[in-house]
Amino acid sequence: MSAMHEENASIVQAMKMTSEETFGSRTYYSGTLCDKSVVVVFSHWGKVAASITATSLISRYGVSEILFTGVAGAITMDLSVGDIVIGTDLYQHDMDASPIISRHEIPLLGKAEISADYRVRKNLIKAASEFIANEFAQVVSAETINEFDLRSPAVVEAAIASGDQFICDPNAAAEIGRRLPGVACVEMEGAAVAQVCESFGVPFGLV
């Protein structure tokens, strides 16, 4: 799953397609990639939309694992443009059922964070590190590298926060960082995908 059509495009081009189906206003591309059976889909934006897509992948297509990719904005000053963040724990920064339960805690789960699958996470770190070492300079143009100063992108393991807000105000970003120390970046879908996967017992990873 990706949060943009553009993020899925190269994966769809690389896979050997066997079928394409539109279901629930989403197009699901089924086929093989690196000898693995895969289904690729645009999640749509926001937590509810991503939850619908993840649930469909599990209940209709029977996937055994979900990988979610997307663009995120830095919360910590330790990140640079081009760095790849592999999610450890996923938080919903806009979840707030206080004073009934603590802020950020997910109702009925008794916790605020959902952890990505350890095996999936380690595979993603390995894949991202190998990409940077062996393919980055071939895939990313010299013009883009110069424009964004992408000299030495890092692969980082860290917590990620999601919410139904586009965070572009530095003060809002700093507030999320204050409430959720350890969160490296923020986006709009990942924690919702994590909650769906936890409910169904499906391993997941977030990049």
Protein backbone atom coordinates (compact mmCIF):
# COMPACT_ATOMS: atom_id res chain seq x y z
CA MET A 1 0.00 0.00 0.00
CA SER A 2 1.11 3.55 -0.72
CA ALA A 3 -0.49 6.89 0.01
CA MET A 4 0.11 8.27 -3.49
CA HIS A 5 -0.44 6.88 -6.99
CA GLU A 6 3.08 8.01 -7.83
CA GLU A 7 4.54 5.89 -5.02
CA ASN A 8 2.85 2.77 -6.40
CA ALA A 9 3.67 3.38 -10.06
CA SER A 10 7.19 1.95 -10.13
CA ILE A 11 6.06 -1.15 -8.22
CA VAL A 12 3.17 -1.76 -10.61
CA GLN A 13 5.55 -1.35 -13.57
CA ALA A 14 8.04 -3.82 -12.08
CA MET A 15 5.54 -6.57 -11.24
CA LYS A 16 4.21 -9.28 -13.54
CA MET A 17 0.52 -8.45 -13.61
CA THR A 18 -2.11 -11.18 -13.47
CA SER A 19 -5.25 -9.18 -12.69
CA GLU A 20 -6.62 -5.73 -11.97
CA GLU A 21 -9.82 -5.15 -10.02
CA THR A 22 -11.69 -2.06 -8.89
CA PHE A 23 -13.36 -2.60 -5.54
CA GLY A 24 -14.60 0.02 -3.08
CA SER A 25 -13.35 2.87 -5.31
CA ARG A 26 -9.81 1.45 -5.26
CA THR A 27 -7.87 -0.39 -7.96
CA TYR A 28 -6.05 -3.51 -6.76
CA TYR A 29 -3.21 -4.82 -8.95
CA SER A 30 -2.42 -8.51 -8.41
CA GLY A 31 0.61 -10.36 -9.71
CA THR A 32 4.15 -11.36 -8.82
CA LEU A 33 7.19 -9.31 -7.83
CA CYS A 34 10.57 -10.98 -7.19
CA ASP A 35 8.76 -14.35 -7.32
CA LYS A 36 6.36 -13.29 -4.56
CA SER A 37 2.60 -13.00 -4.98
CA VAL A 38 1.64 -9.38 -4.32
CA VAL A 39 -1.32 -7.02 -4.39
CA VAL A 40 -0.55 -3.33 -4.89
CA VAL A 41 -3.04 -0.55 -4.11
CA PHE A 42 -3.28 3.20 -3.48
CA SER A 43 -4.49 3.52 0.11
CA HIS A 44 -6.27 6.88 -0.34
CA TRP A 45 -5.57 9.69 2.12
CA GLY A 46 -6.27 9.71 5.82
CA LYS A 47 -6.78 7.12 8.54
CA VAL A 48 -10.29 5.99 7.66
CA ALA A 49 -9.49 5.59 3.97
CA ALA A 50 -6.31 3.63 4.71
CA SER A 51 -8.22 1.41 7.16
CA ILE A 52 -10.77 0.54 4.48
CA THR A 53 -7.97 -0.39 2.07
CA ALA A 54 -6.05 -2.48 4.61
CA THR A 55 -9.21 -4.33 5.64
CA SER A 56 -9.99 -5.12 2.00
CA LEU A 57 -6.47 -6.44 1.42
CA ILE A 58 -6.87 -8.81 4.36
CA SER A 59 -10.51 -9.88 4.02
CA ARG A 60 -10.91 -9.92 0.22
CA TYR A 61 -7.41 -10.71 -1.03
CA GLY A 62 -6.17 -12.78 1.89
CA VAL A 63 -2.77 -11.12 2.14
CA SER A 64 -0.38 -12.56 4.73
CA GLU A 65 1.59 -9.34 5.28
CA ILE A 66 1.16 -5.61 4.59
CA LEU A 67 3.90 -3.13 3.70
CA PHE A 68 2.91 0.53 3.76
CA THR A 69 5.08 3.19 2.13
CA GLY A 70 4.71 6.94 1.99
CA VAL A 71 6.20 10.36 2.35
CA ALA A 72 6.46 11.81 5.85
CA GLY A 73 7.49 15.09 7.45
CA ALA A 74 10.27 15.21 10.03
CA ILE A 75 9.44 15.80 13.68
CA THR A 76 13.00 15.43 14.91
CA MET A 77 15.80 17.67 13.66
CA ASP A 78 17.97 14.56 13.30
CA LEU A 79 16.27 13.70 10.00
CA SER A 80 17.23 15.08 6.61
CA VAL A 81 15.38 15.10 3.29
CA GLY A 82 15.89 11.70 1.68
CA ASP A 83 16.33 9.71 4.87
CA ILE A 84 14.36 6.47 5.03
CA VAL A 85 12.46 5.83 8.27
CA ILE A 86 11.45 2.27 9.15
CA GLY A 87 8.63 2.43 11.68
CA THR A 88 9.03 0.73 15.05
CA ASP A 89 5.96 1.89 17.01
CA LEU A 90 3.00 3.64 15.41
CA TYR A 91 0.98 6.31 17.24
CA GLN A 92 -2.17 8.28 16.39
CA HIS A 93 -1.18 11.79 17.41
CA ASP A 94 -4.78 13.02 17.11
CA MET A 95 -6.31 10.27 19.27
CA ASP A 96 -7.68 11.88 22.42
CA ALA A 97 -10.41 10.25 24.51
CA SER A 98 -9.27 11.94 27.72
CA PRO A 99 -10.28 12.20 30.49
CA ILE A 100 -11.89 8.77 30.04
CA ILE A 101 -8.52 7.28 29.09
CA SER A 102 -5.06 8.72 28.62
CA ARG A 103 -4.38 10.89 25.60
CA HIS A 104 -3.16 8.86 22.58
CA GLU A 105 -4.38 5.59 24.08
CA ILE A 106 -6.48 3.63 21.58
CA PRO A 107 -9.92 2.87 23.07
CA LEU A 108 -10.34 -0.79 24.11
CA LEU A 109 -6.71 -1.65 23.31
CA GLY A 110 -5.23 -0.25 26.51
CA LYS A 111 -2.17 1.18 24.78
CA ALA A 112 -1.16 4.08 22.58
CA GLU A 113 1.38 2.38 20.33
CA ILE A 114 1.20 -0.56 17.93
CA SER A 115 4.53 -2.15 17.11
CA ALA A 116 5.55 -3.16 13.61
CA ASP A 117 6.48 -6.80 13.09
CA TYR A 118 10.13 -7.33 14.05
CA ARG A 119 10.95 -9.68 11.15
CA VAL A 120 9.33 -7.40 8.57
CA ARG A 121 11.12 -4.40 10.06
CA LYS A 122 14.55 -6.03 9.83
CA ASN A 123 13.90 -7.07 6.23
CA LEU A 124 12.92 -3.49 5.38
CA ILE A 125 16.08 -2.12 7.00
CA LYS A 126 18.20 -4.56 4.98
CA ALA A 127 16.39 -3.69 1.74
CA ALA A 128 16.61 0.07 2.31
CA SER A 129 20.29 -0.11 3.23
CA GLU A 130 21.10 -2.18 0.13
CA PHE A 131 19.14 0.24 -2.04
CA ILE A 132 21.10 3.23 -0.78
CA ALA A 133 24.41 1.42 -1.15
CA ASN A 134 23.83 -0.11 -4.58
CA GLU A 135 20.98 1.58 -6.48
CA PHE A 136 20.30 5.05 -5.10
CA ALA A 137 22.67 6.89 -7.46
CA GLN A 138 21.21 5.08 -10.48
CA VAL A 139 17.56 5.61 -9.54
CA VAL A 140 17.75 9.22 -8.29
CA SER A 141 18.96 11.78 -10.82
CA ALA A 142 22.05 13.88 -10.22
CA GLU A 143 19.87 16.99 -10.49
CA THR A 144 17.62 15.77 -7.67
CA ILE A 145 20.59 14.77 -5.54
CA ASN A 146 22.06 18.26 -5.96
CA GLU A 147 18.76 20.09 -5.47
CA PHE A 148 17.98 18.37 -2.14
CA ASP A 149 21.58 17.70 -1.07
CA LEU A 150 21.01 13.96 -0.95
CA ARG A 151 24.66 13.07 -0.35
CA SER A 152 24.32 10.42 2.34
CA PRO A 153 20.72 9.42 3.08
CA ALA A 154 20.36 7.42 6.29
CA VAL A 155 18.17 4.46 7.20
CA VAL A 156 16.57 5.13 10.59
CA GLU A 157 14.46 2.95 12.90
CA ALA A 158 12.03 5.11 14.85
CA ALA A 159 8.45 5.63 15.95
CA ILE A 160 6.05 7.31 13.52
CA ALA A 161 2.89 9.32 14.26
CA SER A 162 -0.22 9.48 12.08
CA GLY A 163 -3.22 11.77 12.11
CA ASP A 164 -5.89 13.30 9.91
CA GLN A 165 -3.98 16.56 9.59
CA PHE A 166 -1.36 17.78 7.15
CA ILE A 167 1.33 19.07 9.50
CA CYS A 168 3.14 22.06 7.97
CA ASP A 169 3.36 24.37 11.00
CA PRO A 170 6.68 23.98 12.89
CA ASN A 171 4.87 24.71 16.17
CA ALA A 172 2.40 21.90 15.53
CA ALA A 173 5.26 19.54 14.70
CA ALA A 174 7.10 20.52 17.87
CA GLU A 175 3.94 19.91 19.92
CA ILE A 176 3.61 16.38 18.52
CA GLY A 177 7.25 15.75 19.35
CA ARG A 178 6.71 16.99 22.89
CA ARG A 179 3.68 14.77 23.46
CA LEU A 180 5.22 11.73 21.78
CA PRO A 181 8.96 11.71 22.44
CA GLY A 182 10.81 9.29 20.20
CA VAL A 183 8.57 9.96 17.19
CA ALA A 184 10.77 10.82 14.21
CA CYS A 185 8.20 11.81 11.61
CA VAL A 186 4.51 12.32 10.93
CA GLU A 187 2.12 11.26 8.16
CA MET A 188 -1.57 10.47 7.72
CA GLU A 189 -2.18 6.71 7.38
CA GLY A 190 0.38 4.35 8.90
CA ALA A 191 -0.97 4.01 12.44
CA ALA A 192 -4.42 3.21 11.08
CA VAL A 193 -2.96 0.44 8.92
CA ALA A 194 -1.13 -0.80 12.00
CA GLN A 195 -4.37 -0.97 14.03
CA VAL A 196 -6.15 -2.93 11.31
CA CYS A 197 -3.26 -5.38 11.03
CA GLU A 198 -3.16 -5.86 14.79
CA SER A 199 -6.90 -6.57 14.84
CA PHE A 200 -6.53 -9.28 12.20
CA GLY A 201 -3.18 -10.65 13.36
CA VAL A 202 -1.43 -9.73 10.10
CA PRO A 203 2.26 -8.74 10.23
CA PHE A 204 3.03 -5.28 8.86
CA GLY A 205 5.85 -2.88 8.19
CA LEU A 206 5.96 0.85 7.50
CA VAL A 207 8.51 2.80 5.43
